[in-house]
Amino acid sequence: MFGLVETALLPPRPVWARLRAALTREDARAVVRARLWGTEVARVRVAYVLTGGAVGAAGAHMGAPLHGALTGGAAGAAANRRRADRALAALARAAPGGVVLPRGFPDGDLLPRHGLWAWTQAPLCRRVADRLTVLAADMLRVELARLRVAIVAARVTEDVAGAAAALCGGGRARFLSVSAGRFGAGLCRTLRHRFGVAALADPTPEQLKETDVYLVFDAPAGGAHLPVRAGAAVLLLGGGRVRTPPGSLVLRGAAFSPPGRLAADWPPGCDNGALLAALAAAGALSPAEVRIDRLLPAAGEE
């Protein structure tokens, strides 16, 4: 089970209505448990009060579809934040752990207070890394028959091994290098034996100079420096930063859509990638079903 946060934008209320809501805590809606999309989900609604004024402190960084004019002033912003805090506390009691937030949710910093964490699209990106690579190659106009891919990871995980096998076994890459700690060499031996591809472990910068696409599963906290040539692409699959020369294309994930069988009940305004990642982890969805609309360029990379 995972948690799903939804939002409601309420019109301004008179003083007496606000006082009643504060005394009865009617804005802290009860958590509803339901079986959705083939798994158990705990849903809670966070109610934000609107006015016709400027965006308040609670909504200063809200993105669509939550972007709008929230209660102006410190008092209104604090009241909205208290409602969010109570809703998250109720959700933590029902479904502690991972939570799918709507896009632009302004109070995500409250999650750790209740032992919660937010799902992101990163787990899904790692599970469909081979498909993302094909899209990147298409953007670069590189034929798969001569595509050179470099995998960068802290260690060989199931996702790393799965991506490498899918790329080599599916004919999506003919040349592959792996920088993934002490088990990277063993993975390369397996790939050469099974698929007859050129798989190189722990490549040098010189050996990487012709690489077309880098799959970065883990970027160091201080940022990874990759010898990326101009015209190559870097796919960040797990957060972090990279430092690349001008002319390289840095991509941070993708825009995802649910399969048709789930679209009818899909909650409006949700983070599609995060919800799809949670469903895939719960076994309710095969990553192969997910629609990839486009790759997303990362802004501000060096």
Protein backbone atom coordinates (compact mmCIF):
# COMPACT_ATOMS: atom_id res chain seq x y z
CA MET A 1 0.00 0.00 0.00
CA PHE A 2 1.09 3.53 -0.68
CA GLY A 3 -0.40 6.94 0.03
CA LEU A 4 -1.95 9.30 -2.50
CA VAL A 5 -2.39 12.99 -1.71
CA GLU A 6 -5.03 14.94 -3.61
CA THR A 7 -5.97 18.59 -3.25
CA ALA A 8 -9.10 20.68 -3.19
CA LEU A 9 -9.15 24.44 -3.69
CA LEU A 10 -11.90 25.99 -1.56
CA PRO A 11 -13.48 29.43 -1.91
CA PRO A 12 -12.95 32.04 0.82
CA ARG A 13 -15.06 31.52 3.93
CA PRO A 14 -16.44 33.95 6.51
CA VAL A 15 -14.90 34.16 9.96
CA TRP A 16 -17.52 31.97 11.61
CA ALA A 17 -16.97 29.19 9.07
CA ARG A 18 -13.20 29.33 9.55
CA LEU A 19 -13.63 29.14 13.33
CA ARG A 20 -15.95 26.12 13.05
CA ALA A 21 -13.51 24.39 10.72
CA ALA A 22 -10.65 25.01 13.13
CA LEU A 23 -12.60 23.68 16.13
CA THR A 24 -13.94 20.59 14.38
CA ARG A 25 -10.91 20.06 12.14
CA GLU A 26 -13.31 19.38 9.31
CA ASP A 27 -10.62 20.21 6.78
CA ALA A 28 -8.53 17.24 7.91
CA ARG A 29 -10.41 14.78 5.76
CA ALA A 30 -10.40 11.14 6.76
CA VAL A 31 -8.13 8.80 4.90
CA VAL A 32 -9.98 6.56 2.46
CA ARG A 33 -8.57 3.16 1.71
CA ALA A 34 -9.53 1.71 -1.64
CA ARG A 35 -8.36 -0.83 -4.16
CA LEU A 36 -7.35 1.16 -7.19
CA TRP A 37 -5.43 0.17 -10.32
CA GLY A 38 -4.94 -3.34 -8.94
CA THR A 39 -3.45 -2.43 -5.55
CA GLU A 40 -4.38 -0.94 -2.17
CA VAL A 41 -4.12 2.85 -1.98
CA ALA A 42 -4.72 5.21 0.96
CA ARG A 43 -6.06 8.54 -0.28
CA VAL A 44 -6.31 11.83 1.58
CA ARG A 45 -7.44 15.26 0.47
CA VAL A 46 -5.67 18.46 1.48
CA ALA A 47 -7.97 21.49 1.36
CA TYR A 48 -6.42 24.84 0.45
CA VAL A 49 -8.45 28.03 0.79
CA LEU A 50 -8.34 30.52 -2.06
CA THR A 51 -8.86 34.23 -2.23
CA GLY A 52 -8.72 36.60 -5.15
CA GLY A 53 -5.38 37.99 -4.07
CA ALA A 54 -1.73 37.19 -4.56
CA VAL A 55 -0.24 33.80 -3.99
CA GLY A 56 0.45 33.32 -0.30
CA ALA A 57 3.54 31.83 1.27
CA ALA A 58 2.13 28.32 1.12
CA GLY A 59 1.66 28.55 -2.62
CA ALA A 60 4.68 30.54 -3.66
CA HIS A 61 6.20 27.63 -5.56
CA MET A 62 3.11 25.79 -6.67
CA GLY A 63 2.98 24.38 -10.18
CA ALA A 64 0.03 23.50 -12.38
CA PRO A 65 -2.63 22.54 -11.65
CA LEU A 66 -2.32 23.84 -8.08
CA HIS A 67 -0.94 27.18 -9.13
CA GLY A 68 -3.40 29.89 -8.16
CA ALA A 69 -4.21 32.56 -5.63
CA LEU A 70 -4.08 31.02 -2.19
CA THR A 71 -5.08 32.83 0.96
CA GLY A 72 -2.99 35.96 1.13
CA GLY A 73 -1.02 36.92 4.20
CA ALA A 74 0.86 34.98 6.82
CA ALA A 75 -2.25 33.92 8.75
CA GLY A 76 -3.92 32.41 5.69
CA ALA A 77 -0.73 30.66 4.59
CA ALA A 78 -0.25 29.22 8.08
CA ALA A 79 -3.83 27.93 8.14
CA ASN A 80 -3.35 26.17 4.80
CA ARG A 81 -0.14 24.63 6.06
CA ARG A 82 -1.82 23.38 9.23
CA ARG A 83 -4.48 21.68 7.14
CA ALA A 84 -1.79 19.98 5.07
CA ASP A 85 0.03 18.90 8.22
CA ARG A 86 -3.09 17.31 9.72
CA ALA A 87 -3.90 15.50 6.48
CA LEU A 88 -0.38 14.09 6.21
CA ALA A 89 -0.45 12.99 9.85
CA ALA A 90 -3.67 11.08 9.19
CA LEU A 91 -2.15 9.52 6.08
CA ALA A 92 0.94 8.41 8.00
CA ARG A 93 -1.23 6.56 10.51
CA ALA A 94 -3.03 4.71 7.71
CA ALA A 95 -0.20 4.06 5.26
CA PRO A 96 3.27 4.94 6.53
CA GLY A 97 5.98 5.11 3.91
CA GLY A 98 5.82 6.28 0.32
CA VAL A 99 3.41 8.97 -0.82
CA VAL A 100 2.47 10.15 -4.31
CA LEU A 101 2.05 13.93 -4.31
CA PRO A 102 0.23 16.11 -6.84
CA ARG A 103 2.32 18.28 -9.12
CA GLY A 104 3.43 21.49 -7.42
CA PHE A 105 2.39 20.36 -3.92
CA PRO A 106 3.63 23.22 -1.69
CA ASP A 107 4.03 21.39 1.62
CA GLY A 108 6.16 18.42 0.70
CA ASP A 109 8.74 19.48 3.27
CA LEU A 110 6.30 18.30 5.96
CA LEU A 111 6.61 14.65 4.91
CA PRO A 112 9.68 13.75 7.04
CA ARG A 113 7.91 15.07 10.14
CA HIS A 114 5.46 12.18 9.77
CA GLY A 115 7.91 9.52 8.61
CA LEU A 116 6.75 9.83 5.00
CA TRP A 117 8.69 10.17 1.75
CA ALA A 118 7.63 11.19 -1.72
CA TRP A 119 7.64 8.86 -4.68
CA THR A 120 9.44 10.20 -7.74
CA GLN A 121 9.68 8.93 -11.28
CA ALA A 122 13.31 7.83 -10.82
CA PRO A 123 12.52 4.13 -10.08
CA LEU A 124 10.39 3.97 -13.21
CA CYS A 125 13.07 5.68 -15.32
CA ARG A 126 15.59 3.06 -14.22
CA ARG A 127 13.22 0.25 -15.17
CA VAL A 128 12.60 1.64 -18.67
CA ALA A 129 16.16 2.86 -19.22
CA ASP A 130 16.47 0.88 -22.46
CA ARG A 131 13.41 2.59 -23.95
CA LEU A 132 14.66 6.00 -22.85
CA THR A 133 17.98 5.22 -24.52
CA VAL A 134 16.24 4.49 -27.82
CA LEU A 135 14.41 7.82 -27.61
CA ALA A 136 17.66 9.63 -26.86
CA ALA A 137 19.34 7.93 -29.83
CA ASP A 138 16.45 9.03 -32.01
CA MET A 139 16.87 12.61 -30.80
CA LEU A 140 20.57 12.41 -31.66
CA ARG A 141 19.79 10.70 -34.98
CA VAL A 142 22.13 7.84 -34.19
CA GLU A 143 21.34 4.43 -35.68
CA LEU A 144 20.95 1.67 -33.12
CA ALA A 145 23.32 -0.53 -35.11
CA ARG A 146 26.17 1.80 -34.19
CA LEU A 147 24.90 3.21 -30.88
CA ARG A 148 27.48 3.43 -28.09
CA VAL A 149 26.09 3.46 -24.55
CA ALA A 150 27.88 3.97 -21.24
CA ILE A 151 26.27 2.90 -17.95
CA VAL A 152 27.38 4.79 -14.83
CA ALA A 153 26.30 3.44 -11.44
CA ALA A 154 27.55 3.09 -7.90
CA ARG A 155 27.09 -0.69 -8.09
CA VAL A 156 25.47 -3.38 -10.19
CA THR A 157 21.81 -3.54 -9.20
CA GLU A 158 18.88 -5.42 -10.68
CA ASP A 159 17.95 -2.29 -12.63
CA VAL A 160 21.49 -1.84 -13.97
CA ALA A 161 21.77 -5.46 -15.05
CA GLY A 162 18.26 -5.37 -16.54
CA ALA A 163 18.96 -2.24 -18.56
CA ALA A 164 22.25 -3.67 -19.86
CA ALA A 165 20.60 -6.95 -20.88
CA ALA A 166 17.66 -5.18 -22.54
CA LEU A 167 19.97 -2.92 -24.52
CA CYS A 168 22.26 -5.73 -25.67
CA GLY A 169 19.68 -8.49 -26.07
CA GLY A 170 17.18 -6.27 -27.83
CA GLY A 171 19.65 -5.04 -30.40
CA ARG A 172 19.45 -1.52 -29.03
CA ALA A 173 23.18 -1.12 -28.47
CA ARG A 174 26.16 -2.80 -30.11
CA PHE A 175 28.81 -1.15 -27.95
CA LEU A 176 28.37 -0.89 -24.18
CA SER A 177 30.63 0.18 -21.33
CA VAL A 178 29.89 -0.24 -17.63
CA SER A 179 31.29 1.75 -14.71
CA ALA A 180 29.56 0.14 -11.73
CA GLY A 181 32.01 -0.92 -9.08
CA ARG A 182 33.62 -4.28 -8.53
CA PHE A 183 30.89 -6.39 -10.14
CA GLY A 184 30.86 -4.40 -13.38
CA ALA A 185 33.48 -6.67 -14.96
CA GLY A 186 31.37 -9.75 -14.23
CA LEU A 187 28.33 -8.12 -15.80
CA CYS A 188 30.32 -7.34 -18.94
CA ARG A 189 31.55 -10.93 -19.21
CA THR A 190 27.95 -12.12 -18.99
CA LEU A 191 26.84 -9.69 -21.70
CA ARG A 192 29.63 -10.75 -24.05
CA HIS A 193 28.84 -14.43 -23.49
CA ARG A 194 25.06 -14.11 -23.87
CA PHE A 195 24.76 -11.53 -26.62
CA GLY A 196 28.11 -11.36 -28.36
CA VAL A 197 28.38 -7.61 -27.89
CA ALA A 198 31.39 -5.43 -27.19
CA ALA A 199 31.00 -4.82 -23.43
CA LEU A 200 33.81 -2.99 -21.63
CA ALA A 201 34.16 -2.63 -17.86
CA ASP A 202 35.64 0.47 -16.19
CA PRO A 203 36.42 2.39 -19.39
CA THR A 204 38.96 5.19 -19.44
CA PRO A 205 38.02 8.72 -20.56
CA GLU A 206 39.76 7.99 -23.84
CA GLN A 207 37.63 4.88 -24.38
CA LEU A 208 34.47 6.88 -23.62
CA LYS A 209 35.13 9.67 -26.09
CA GLU A 210 32.85 8.20 -28.80
CA THR A 211 29.96 7.38 -26.45
CA ASP A 212 26.56 8.56 -27.70
CA VAL A 213 24.35 8.07 -24.62
CA TYR A 214 25.30 7.93 -20.94
CA LEU A 215 22.88 6.23 -18.54
CA VAL A 216 23.65 7.68 -15.10
CA PHE A 217 21.92 5.57 -12.45
CA ASP A 218 23.69 7.34 -9.58
CA ALA A 219 25.38 10.73 -9.69
CA PRO A 220 27.73 11.53 -6.77
CA ALA A 221 26.51 14.16 -4.31
CA GLY A 222 29.10 16.63 -5.53
CA GLY A 223 28.24 16.01 -9.16
CA ALA A 224 29.80 13.66 -11.67
CA HIS A 225 32.23 14.88 -14.31
CA LEU A 226 31.73 12.89 -17.49
CA PRO A 227 33.93 13.11 -20.60
CA VAL A 228 30.90 13.80 -22.78
CA ARG A 229 31.58 14.86 -26.34
CA ALA A 230 29.53 17.55 -28.03
CA GLY A 231 26.39 16.07 -29.51
CA ALA A 232 26.09 13.22 -26.97
CA ALA A 233 23.28 12.77 -24.44
CA VAL A 234 23.28 12.13 -20.68
CA LEU A 235 20.22 10.52 -19.09
CA LEU A 236 19.99 11.14 -15.33
CA LEU A 237 18.01 8.22 -13.91
CA GLY A 238 18.42 8.76 -10.19
CA GLY A 239 18.92 12.40 -9.37
CA GLY A 240 22.16 14.22 -8.70
CA ARG A 241 24.06 16.50 -11.02
CA VAL A 242 26.56 16.10 -13.80
CA ARG A 243 29.13 18.47 -15.24
CA THR A 244 29.34 18.29 -19.00
CA PRO A 245 30.90 20.45 -21.71
CA PRO A 246 28.79 22.75 -23.89
CA GLY A 247 26.96 21.05 -26.71
CA SER A 248 25.90 17.95 -24.79
CA LEU A 249 22.26 17.13 -24.08
CA VAL A 250 21.39 16.45 -20.42
CA LEU A 251 18.02 14.78 -19.85
CA ARG A 252 16.31 14.36 -16.49
CA GLY A 253 13.62 11.75 -16.90
CA ALA A 254 10.58 11.81 -19.12
CA ALA A 255 6.94 12.76 -19.37
CA PHE A 256 4.90 9.59 -18.80
CA SER A 257 1.25 8.67 -19.41
CA PRO A 258 -0.71 5.76 -17.93
CA PRO A 259 -1.87 2.90 -20.15
CA GLY A 260 -5.38 3.13 -21.49
CA ARG A 261 -6.79 0.60 -19.03
CA LEU A 262 -5.97 2.94 -16.12
CA ALA A 263 -6.72 6.31 -17.70
CA ALA A 264 -10.41 6.48 -16.73
CA ASP A 265 -9.73 6.62 -12.98
CA TRP A 266 -6.49 8.60 -13.18
CA PRO A 267 -6.48 11.43 -10.60
CA PRO A 268 -6.24 14.91 -12.14
CA GLY A 269 -3.13 16.90 -11.34
CA CYS A 270 -1.11 13.94 -10.11
CA ASP A 271 2.57 13.41 -10.82
CA ASN A 272 2.19 10.73 -13.50
CA GLY A 273 5.74 9.44 -13.26
CA ALA A 274 5.60 9.11 -9.47
CA LEU A 275 2.23 7.33 -9.47
CA LEU A 276 3.31 4.97 -12.23
CA ALA A 277 6.53 4.21 -10.33
CA ALA A 278 4.55 3.36 -7.20
CA LEU A 279 2.18 1.11 -9.15
CA ALA A 280 5.06 -0.68 -10.86
CA ALA A 281 6.75 -1.28 -7.50
CA ALA A 282 3.48 -2.69 -6.14
CA GLY A 283 3.29 -5.14 -9.05
CA ALA A 284 0.08 -3.56 -10.35
CA LEU A 285 1.67 -2.34 -13.55
CA SER A 286 4.30 -3.60 -15.96
CA PRO A 287 6.81 -0.91 -16.94
CA ALA A 288 6.32 -2.08 -20.53
CA GLU A 289 2.74 -0.73 -20.39
CA VAL A 290 3.80 2.81 -19.58
CA ARG A 291 3.64 5.36 -22.36
CA ILE A 292 6.68 7.62 -22.72
CA ASP A 293 5.55 10.90 -24.22
CA ARG A 294 8.91 12.67 -24.45
CA LEU A 295 12.27 13.09 -22.75
CA LEU A 296 12.71 16.09 -20.47
CA PRO A 297 15.83 18.26 -20.83
CA ALA A 298 17.40 19.23 -17.51
CA ALA A 299 17.85 22.93 -16.90
CA GLY A 300 20.89 24.42 -15.24
CA GLU A 301 23.34 21.59 -15.78
CA GLU A 302 26.97 22.57 -16.16
